[in-house]
C-alpha cells in the first residue's frame, strides 16, 4: 500500500481499513499549511485509494 502504484488485487478490505486508519491518524493526507486541504495529485494512488480515504466520514470528523 505504501508504493506509488500498489497492486490492489491481493489487498483485503482489512488492509484498506488499516491503511486508512493510519493515514487519518497521522494526518498524512493534508497539506502542511492547511489540514482541510488534501495533499493530492491526479496520480494513480490518489485517484484509486487516497481520495476514498479523504472522503470517508472518519477522515471528515478528524478534520473538523
PDB file of N, CA and C in Angstrom:
ATOM      1  N   UNK A   1       0.816  -1.191   0.000  1.00  0.00           N
ATOM      2  CA  UNK A   1       0.000   0.000   0.000  1.00  0.00           C
ATOM      3  C   UNK A   1       0.863   1.261   0.000  1.00  0.00           C
ATOM      4  N   UNK A   2       2.087   1.166   0.414  1.00  0.00           N
ATOM      5  CA  UNK A   2       2.916   2.356   0.519  1.00  0.00           C
ATOM      6  C   UNK A   2       3.621   2.733  -0.776  1.00  0.00           C
ATOM      7  N   UNK A   3       3.619   1.875  -1.772  1.00  0.00           N
ATOM      8  CA  UNK A   3       4.270   2.230  -3.036  1.00  0.00           C
ATOM      9  C   UNK A   3       3.402   3.231  -3.798  1.00  0.00           C
ATOM     10  N   UNK A   4       3.981   3.869  -4.793  1.00  0.00           N
ATOM     11  CA  UNK A   4       3.231   4.882  -5.538  1.00  0.00           C
ATOM     12  C   UNK A   4       2.143   4.280  -6.416  1.00  0.00           C
ATOM     13  N   UNK A   5       2.293   3.044  -6.815  1.00  0.00           N
ATOM     14  CA  UNK A   5       1.260   2.367  -7.602  1.00  0.00           C
ATOM     15  C   UNK A   5       1.111   0.935  -7.082  1.00  0.00           C
ATOM     16  N   UNK A   6       0.467   0.775  -5.925  1.00  0.00           N
ATOM     17  CA  UNK A   6       0.344  -0.553  -5.318  1.00  0.00           C
ATOM     18  C   UNK A   6      -0.583  -1.469  -6.117  1.00  0.00           C
ATOM     19  N   UNK A   7      -0.276  -2.738  -6.103  1.00  0.00           N
ATOM     20  CA  UNK A   7      -1.157  -3.724  -6.708  1.00  0.00           C
ATOM     21  C   UNK A   7      -2.351  -3.906  -5.779  1.00  0.00           C
ATOM     22  N   UNK A   8      -3.541  -3.715  -6.295  1.00  0.00           N
ATOM     23  CA  UNK A   8      -4.732  -3.777  -5.462  1.00  0.00           C
ATOM     24  C   UNK A   8      -5.357  -5.158  -5.418  1.00  0.00           C
ATOM     25  N   UNK A   9      -4.961  -6.027  -6.314  1.00  0.00           N
ATOM     26  CA  UNK A   9      -5.627  -7.328  -6.419  1.00  0.00           C
ATOM     27  C   UNK A   9      -5.391  -8.251  -5.230  1.00  0.00           C
ATOM     28  N   UNK A  10      -4.290  -8.118  -4.534  1.00  0.00           N
ATOM     29  CA  UNK A  10      -4.028  -9.004  -3.400  1.00  0.00           C
ATOM     30  C   UNK A  10      -4.334  -8.355  -2.048  1.00  0.00           C
ATOM     31  N   UNK A  11      -4.953  -7.176  -2.052  1.00  0.00           N
ATOM     32  CA  UNK A  11      -5.268  -6.472  -0.814  1.00  0.00           C
ATOM     33  C   UNK A  11      -6.665  -6.856  -0.327  1.00  0.00           C
ATOM     34  N   UNK A  12      -6.808  -6.963   0.978  1.00  0.00           N
ATOM     35  CA  UNK A  12      -8.099  -7.290   1.579  1.00  0.00           C
ATOM     36  C   UNK A  12      -8.786  -6.015   2.071  1.00  0.00           C
ATOM     37  N   UNK A  13     -10.045  -6.117   2.400  1.00  0.00           N
ATOM     38  CA  UNK A  13     -10.754  -4.976   2.980  1.00  0.00           C
ATOM     39  C   UNK A  13     -10.081  -4.530   4.269  1.00  0.00           C
ATOM     40  N   UNK A  14      -9.568  -5.487   5.017  1.00  0.00           N
ATOM     41  CA  UNK A  14      -8.863  -5.172   6.263  1.00  0.00           C
ATOM     42  C   UNK A  14      -7.594  -4.360   5.979  1.00  0.00           C
ATOM     43  N   UNK A  15      -6.885  -4.680   4.899  1.00  0.00           N
ATOM     44  CA  UNK A  15      -5.691  -3.917   4.518  1.00  0.00           C
ATOM     45  C   UNK A  15      -6.058  -2.457   4.253  1.00  0.00           C
ATOM     46  N   UNK A  16      -7.145  -2.244   3.504  1.00  0.00           N
ATOM     47  CA  UNK A  16      -7.586  -0.889   3.202  1.00  0.00           C
ATOM     48  C   UNK A  16      -8.021  -0.167   4.467  1.00  0.00           C
ATOM     49  N   UNK A  17      -8.719  -0.839   5.346  1.00  0.00           N
ATOM     50  CA  UNK A  17      -9.167  -0.248   6.599  1.00  0.00           C
ATOM     51  C   UNK A  17      -7.974   0.183   7.450  1.00  0.00           C
ATOM     52  N   UNK A  18      -7.003  -0.696   7.607  1.00  0.00           N
ATOM     53  CA  UNK A  18      -5.819  -0.386   8.402  1.00  0.00           C
ATOM     54  C   UNK A  18      -5.025   0.779   7.806  1.00  0.00           C
ATOM     55  N   UNK A  19      -4.855   0.764   6.486  1.00  0.00           N
ATOM     56  CA  UNK A  19      -4.115   1.831   5.825  1.00  0.00           C
ATOM     57  C   UNK A  19      -4.855   3.166   5.985  1.00  0.00           C
ATOM     58  N   UNK A  20      -6.165   3.131   5.825  1.00  0.00           N
ATOM     59  CA  UNK A  20      -6.962   4.344   6.004  1.00  0.00           C
ATOM     60  C   UNK A  20      -6.852   4.895   7.411  1.00  0.00           C
ATOM     61  N   UNK A  21      -6.919   4.032   8.393  1.00  0.00           N
ATOM     62  CA  UNK A  21      -6.785   4.464   9.786  1.00  0.00           C
ATOM     63  C   UNK A  21      -5.426   5.099  10.032  1.00  0.00           C
ATOM     64  N   UNK A  22      -4.390   4.523   9.461  1.00  0.00           N
ATOM     65  CA  UNK A  22      -3.038   5.068   9.610  1.00  0.00           C
ATOM     66  C   UNK A  22      -2.928   6.450   8.956  1.00  0.00           C
ATOM     67  N   UNK A  23      -3.465   6.593   7.760  1.00  0.00           N
ATOM     68  CA  UNK A  23      -3.406   7.877   7.058  1.00  0.00           C
ATOM     69  C   UNK A  23      -4.184   8.956   7.807  1.00  0.00           C
ATOM     70  N   UNK A  24      -5.315   8.588   8.393  1.00  0.00           N
ATOM     71  CA  UNK A  24      -6.131   9.540   9.141  1.00  0.00           C
ATOM     72  C   UNK A  24      -5.450   9.905  10.462  1.00  0.00           C
ATOM     73  N   UNK A  25      -4.977   8.906  11.178  1.00  0.00           N
ATOM     74  CA  UNK A  25      -4.367   9.149  12.491  1.00  0.00           C
ATOM     75  C   UNK A  25      -3.117  10.019  12.397  1.00  0.00           C
ATOM     76  N   UNK A  26      -2.354   9.866  11.331  1.00  0.00           N
ATOM     77  CA  UNK A  26      -1.110  10.620  11.183  1.00  0.00           C
ATOM     78  C   UNK A  26      -1.295  11.908  10.393  1.00  0.00           C
ATOM     79  N   UNK A  27      -2.521  12.155   9.924  1.00  0.00           N
ATOM     80  CA  UNK A  27      -2.819  13.347   9.140  1.00  0.00           C
ATOM     81  C   UNK A  27      -1.920  13.436   7.900  1.00  0.00           C
ATOM     82  N   UNK A  28      -1.590  12.299   7.342  1.00  0.00           N
ATOM     83  CA  UNK A  28      -0.642  12.207   6.237  1.00  0.00           C
ATOM     84  C   UNK A  28      -1.187  12.718   4.906  1.00  0.00           C
ATOM     85  N   UNK A  29      -2.471  12.912   4.796  1.00  0.00           N
ATOM     86  CA  UNK A  29      -3.047  13.327   3.514  1.00  0.00           C
ATOM     87  C   UNK A  29      -3.252  14.830   3.414  1.00  0.00           C
ATOM     88  N   UNK A  30      -3.050  15.573   4.488  1.00  0.00           N
ATOM     89  CA  UNK A  30      -3.305  17.007   4.494  1.00  0.00           C
ATOM     90  C   UNK A  30      -2.075  17.796   4.076  1.00  0.00           C
ATOM     91  N   UNK A  31      -2.328  18.968   3.495  1.00  0.00           N
ATOM     92  CA  UNK A  31      -1.235  19.904   3.235  1.00  0.00           C
ATOM     93  C   UNK A  31      -0.716  20.385   4.579  1.00  0.00           C
ATOM     94  N   UNK A  32       0.560  20.651   4.662  1.00  0.00           N
ATOM     95  CA  UNK A  32       1.139  21.054   5.942  1.00  0.00           C
ATOM     96  C   UNK A  32       0.598  22.393   6.433  1.00  0.00           C
ATOM     97  N   UNK A  33       0.208  23.285   5.544  1.00  0.00           N
ATOM     98  CA  UNK A  33      -0.295  24.586   5.949  1.00  0.00           C
ATOM     99  C   UNK A  33      -1.783  24.627   6.228  1.00  0.00           C
ATOM    100  N   UNK A  34      -2.523  23.620   5.765  1.00  0.00           N
ATOM    101  CA  UNK A  34      -3.978  23.633   5.921  1.00  0.00           C
ATOM    102  C   UNK A  34      -4.478  22.201   5.978  1.00  0.00           C
ATOM    103  N   UNK A  35      -4.868  21.755   7.149  1.00  0.00           N
ATOM    104  CA  UNK A  35      -5.291  20.355   7.287  1.00  0.00           C
ATOM    105  C   UNK A  35      -6.617  20.054   6.601  1.00  0.00           C
ATOM    106  N   UNK A  36      -7.354  21.076   6.176  1.00  0.00           N
ATOM    107  CA  UNK A  36      -8.604  20.855   5.451  1.00  0.00           C
ATOM    108  C   UNK A  36      -8.407  20.777   3.945  1.00  0.00           C
ATOM    109  N   UNK A  37      -7.177  20.889   3.517  1.00  0.00           N
ATOM    110  CA  UNK A  37      -6.848  20.801   2.100  1.00  0.00           C
ATOM    111  C   UNK A  37      -5.987  19.557   1.872  1.00  0.00           C
ATOM    112  N   UNK A  38      -6.394  18.706   0.947  1.00  0.00           N
ATOM    113  CA  UNK A  38      -5.632  17.465   0.740  1.00  0.00           C
ATOM    114  C   UNK A  38      -4.315  17.694   0.014  1.00  0.00           C
ATOM    115  N   UNK A  39      -3.342  16.916   0.375  1.00  0.00           N
ATOM    116  CA  UNK A  39      -2.073  16.865  -0.338  1.00  0.00           C
ATOM    117  C   UNK A  39      -2.285  15.835  -1.446  1.00  0.00           C
ATOM    118  N   UNK A  40      -2.816  16.299  -2.571  1.00  0.00           N
ATOM    119  CA  UNK A  40      -3.290  15.376  -3.586  1.00  0.00           C
ATOM    120  C   UNK A  40      -2.643  15.612  -4.941  1.00  0.00           C
ATOM    121  N   UNK A  41      -2.885  14.673  -5.813  1.00  0.00           N
ATOM    122  CA  UNK A  41      -2.464  14.768  -7.201  1.00  0.00           C
ATOM    123  C   UNK A  41      -3.486  13.993  -8.016  1.00  0.00           C
ATOM    124  N   UNK A  42      -3.297  13.894  -9.260  1.00  0.00           N
ATOM    125  CA  UNK A  42      -4.179  13.080 -10.088  1.00  0.00           C
ATOM    126  C   UNK A  42      -3.506  11.743 -10.392  1.00  0.00           C
ATOM    127  N   UNK A  43      -2.539  11.386  -9.575  1.00  0.00           N
ATOM    128  CA  UNK A  43      -1.837  10.125  -9.748  1.00  0.00           C
ATOM    129  C   UNK A  43      -2.701   8.918  -9.408  1.00  0.00           C
ATOM    130  N   UNK A  44      -2.223   7.774  -9.784  1.00  0.00           N
ATOM    131  CA  UNK A  44      -2.926   6.501  -9.600  1.00  0.00           C
ATOM    132  C   UNK A  44      -3.345   6.293  -8.148  1.00  0.00           C
ATOM    133  N   UNK A  45      -2.412   6.506  -7.233  1.00  0.00           N
ATOM    134  CA  UNK A  45      -2.696   6.211  -5.824  1.00  0.00           C
ATOM    135  C   UNK A  45      -3.762   7.153  -5.261  1.00  0.00           C
ATOM    136  N   UNK A  46      -3.687   8.447  -5.596  1.00  0.00           N
ATOM    137  CA  UNK A  46      -4.697   9.376  -5.095  1.00  0.00           C
ATOM    138  C   UNK A  46      -6.068   9.016  -5.651  1.00  0.00           C
ATOM    139  N   UNK A  47      -6.143   8.796  -6.942  1.00  0.00           N
ATOM    140  CA  UNK A  47      -7.420   8.524  -7.595  1.00  0.00           C
ATOM    141  C   UNK A  47      -8.051   7.225  -7.096  1.00  0.00           C
ATOM    142  N   UNK A  48      -7.250   6.193  -6.905  1.00  0.00           N
ATOM    143  CA  UNK A  48      -7.792   4.870  -6.579  1.00  0.00           C
ATOM    144  C   UNK A  48      -7.860   4.534  -5.094  1.00  0.00           C
ATOM    145  N   UNK A  49      -7.082   5.208  -4.272  1.00  0.00           N
ATOM    146  CA  UNK A  49      -7.042   4.841  -2.849  1.00  0.00           C
ATOM    147  C   UNK A  49      -7.253   6.051  -1.940  1.00  0.00           C
ATOM    148  N   UNK A  50      -6.362   7.014  -2.054  1.00  0.00           N
ATOM    149  CA  UNK A  50      -6.332   8.107  -1.090  1.00  0.00           C
ATOM    150  C   UNK A  50      -7.582   8.980  -1.116  1.00  0.00           C
ATOM    151  N   UNK A  51      -8.138   9.249  -2.281  1.00  0.00           N
ATOM    152  CA  UNK A  51      -9.332  10.103  -2.335  1.00  0.00           C
ATOM    153  C   UNK A  51     -10.506   9.464  -1.605  1.00  0.00           C
ATOM    154  N   UNK A  52     -10.595   8.148  -1.642  1.00  0.00           N
ATOM    155  CA  UNK A  52     -11.670   7.448  -0.928  1.00  0.00           C
ATOM    156  C   UNK A  52     -11.484   7.573   0.583  1.00  0.00           C
ATOM    157  N   UNK A  53     -10.243   7.512   1.024  1.00  0.00           N
ATOM    158  CA  UNK A  53      -9.951   7.692   2.451  1.00  0.00           C
ATOM    159  C   UNK A  53     -10.261   9.135   2.849  1.00  0.00           C
ATOM    160  N   UNK A  54      -9.804  10.114   2.049  1.00  0.00           N
ATOM    161  CA  UNK A  54     -10.022  11.533   2.332  1.00  0.00           C
ATOM    162  C   UNK A  54     -11.515  11.848   2.460  1.00  0.00           C
ATOM    163  N   UNK A  55     -12.319  11.236   1.598  1.00  0.00           N
ATOM    164  CA  UNK A  55     -13.760  11.498   1.591  1.00  0.00           C
ATOM    165  C   UNK A  55     -14.543  10.677   2.610  1.00  0.00           C
ATOM    166  N   UNK A  56     -13.883   9.799   3.346  1.00  0.00           N
ATOM    167  CA  UNK A  56     -14.587   8.961   4.318  1.00  0.00           C
ATOM    168  C   UNK A  56     -15.106   9.794   5.489  1.00  0.00           C
ATOM    169  N   UNK A  57     -16.162   9.324   6.113  1.00  0.00           N
ATOM    170  CA  UNK A  57     -16.740  10.020   7.267  1.00  0.00           C
ATOM    171  C   UNK A  57     -15.733  10.152   8.398  1.00  0.00           C
ATOM    172  N   UNK A  58     -14.936   9.111   8.599  1.00  0.00           N
ATOM    173  CA  UNK A  58     -13.939   9.131   9.680  1.00  0.00           C
ATOM    174  C   UNK A  58     -12.919  10.246   9.465  1.00  0.00           C
ATOM    175  N   UNK A  59     -12.465  10.419   8.228  1.00  0.00           N
ATOM    176  CA  UNK A  59     -11.487  11.464   7.928  1.00  0.00           C
ATOM    177  C   UNK A  59     -12.120  12.844   8.061  1.00  0.00           C
ATOM    178  N   UNK A  60     -13.358  12.983   7.640  1.00  0.00           N
ATOM    179  CA  UNK A  60     -14.047  14.279   7.760  1.00  0.00           C
ATOM    180  C   UNK A  60     -14.205  14.683   9.222  1.00  0.00           C
ATOM    181  N   UNK A  61     -14.515  13.726  10.095  1.00  0.00           N
ATOM    182  CA  UNK A  61     -14.650  14.008  11.528  1.00  0.00           C
ATOM    183  C   UNK A  61     -13.323  14.497  12.102  1.00  0.00           C
ATOM    184  N   UNK A  62     -12.234  13.878  11.697  1.00  0.00           N
ATOM    185  CA  UNK A  62     -10.905  14.248  12.207  1.00  0.00           C
ATOM    186  C   UNK A  62     -10.546  15.675  11.802  1.00  0.00           C
ATOM    187  N   UNK A  63     -10.943  16.096  10.607  1.00  0.00           N
ATOM    188  CA  UNK A  63     -10.587  17.420  10.113  1.00  0.00           C
ATOM    189  C   UNK A  63     -11.427  18.533  10.736  1.00  0.00           C
ATOM    190  N   UNK A  64     -12.511  18.224  11.388  1.00  0.00           N
ATOM    191  CA  UNK A  64     -13.373  19.258  11.982  1.00  0.00           C
ATOM    192  C   UNK A  64     -12.786  19.848  13.218  1.00  0.00           C
TER     193      UNK A  64
END
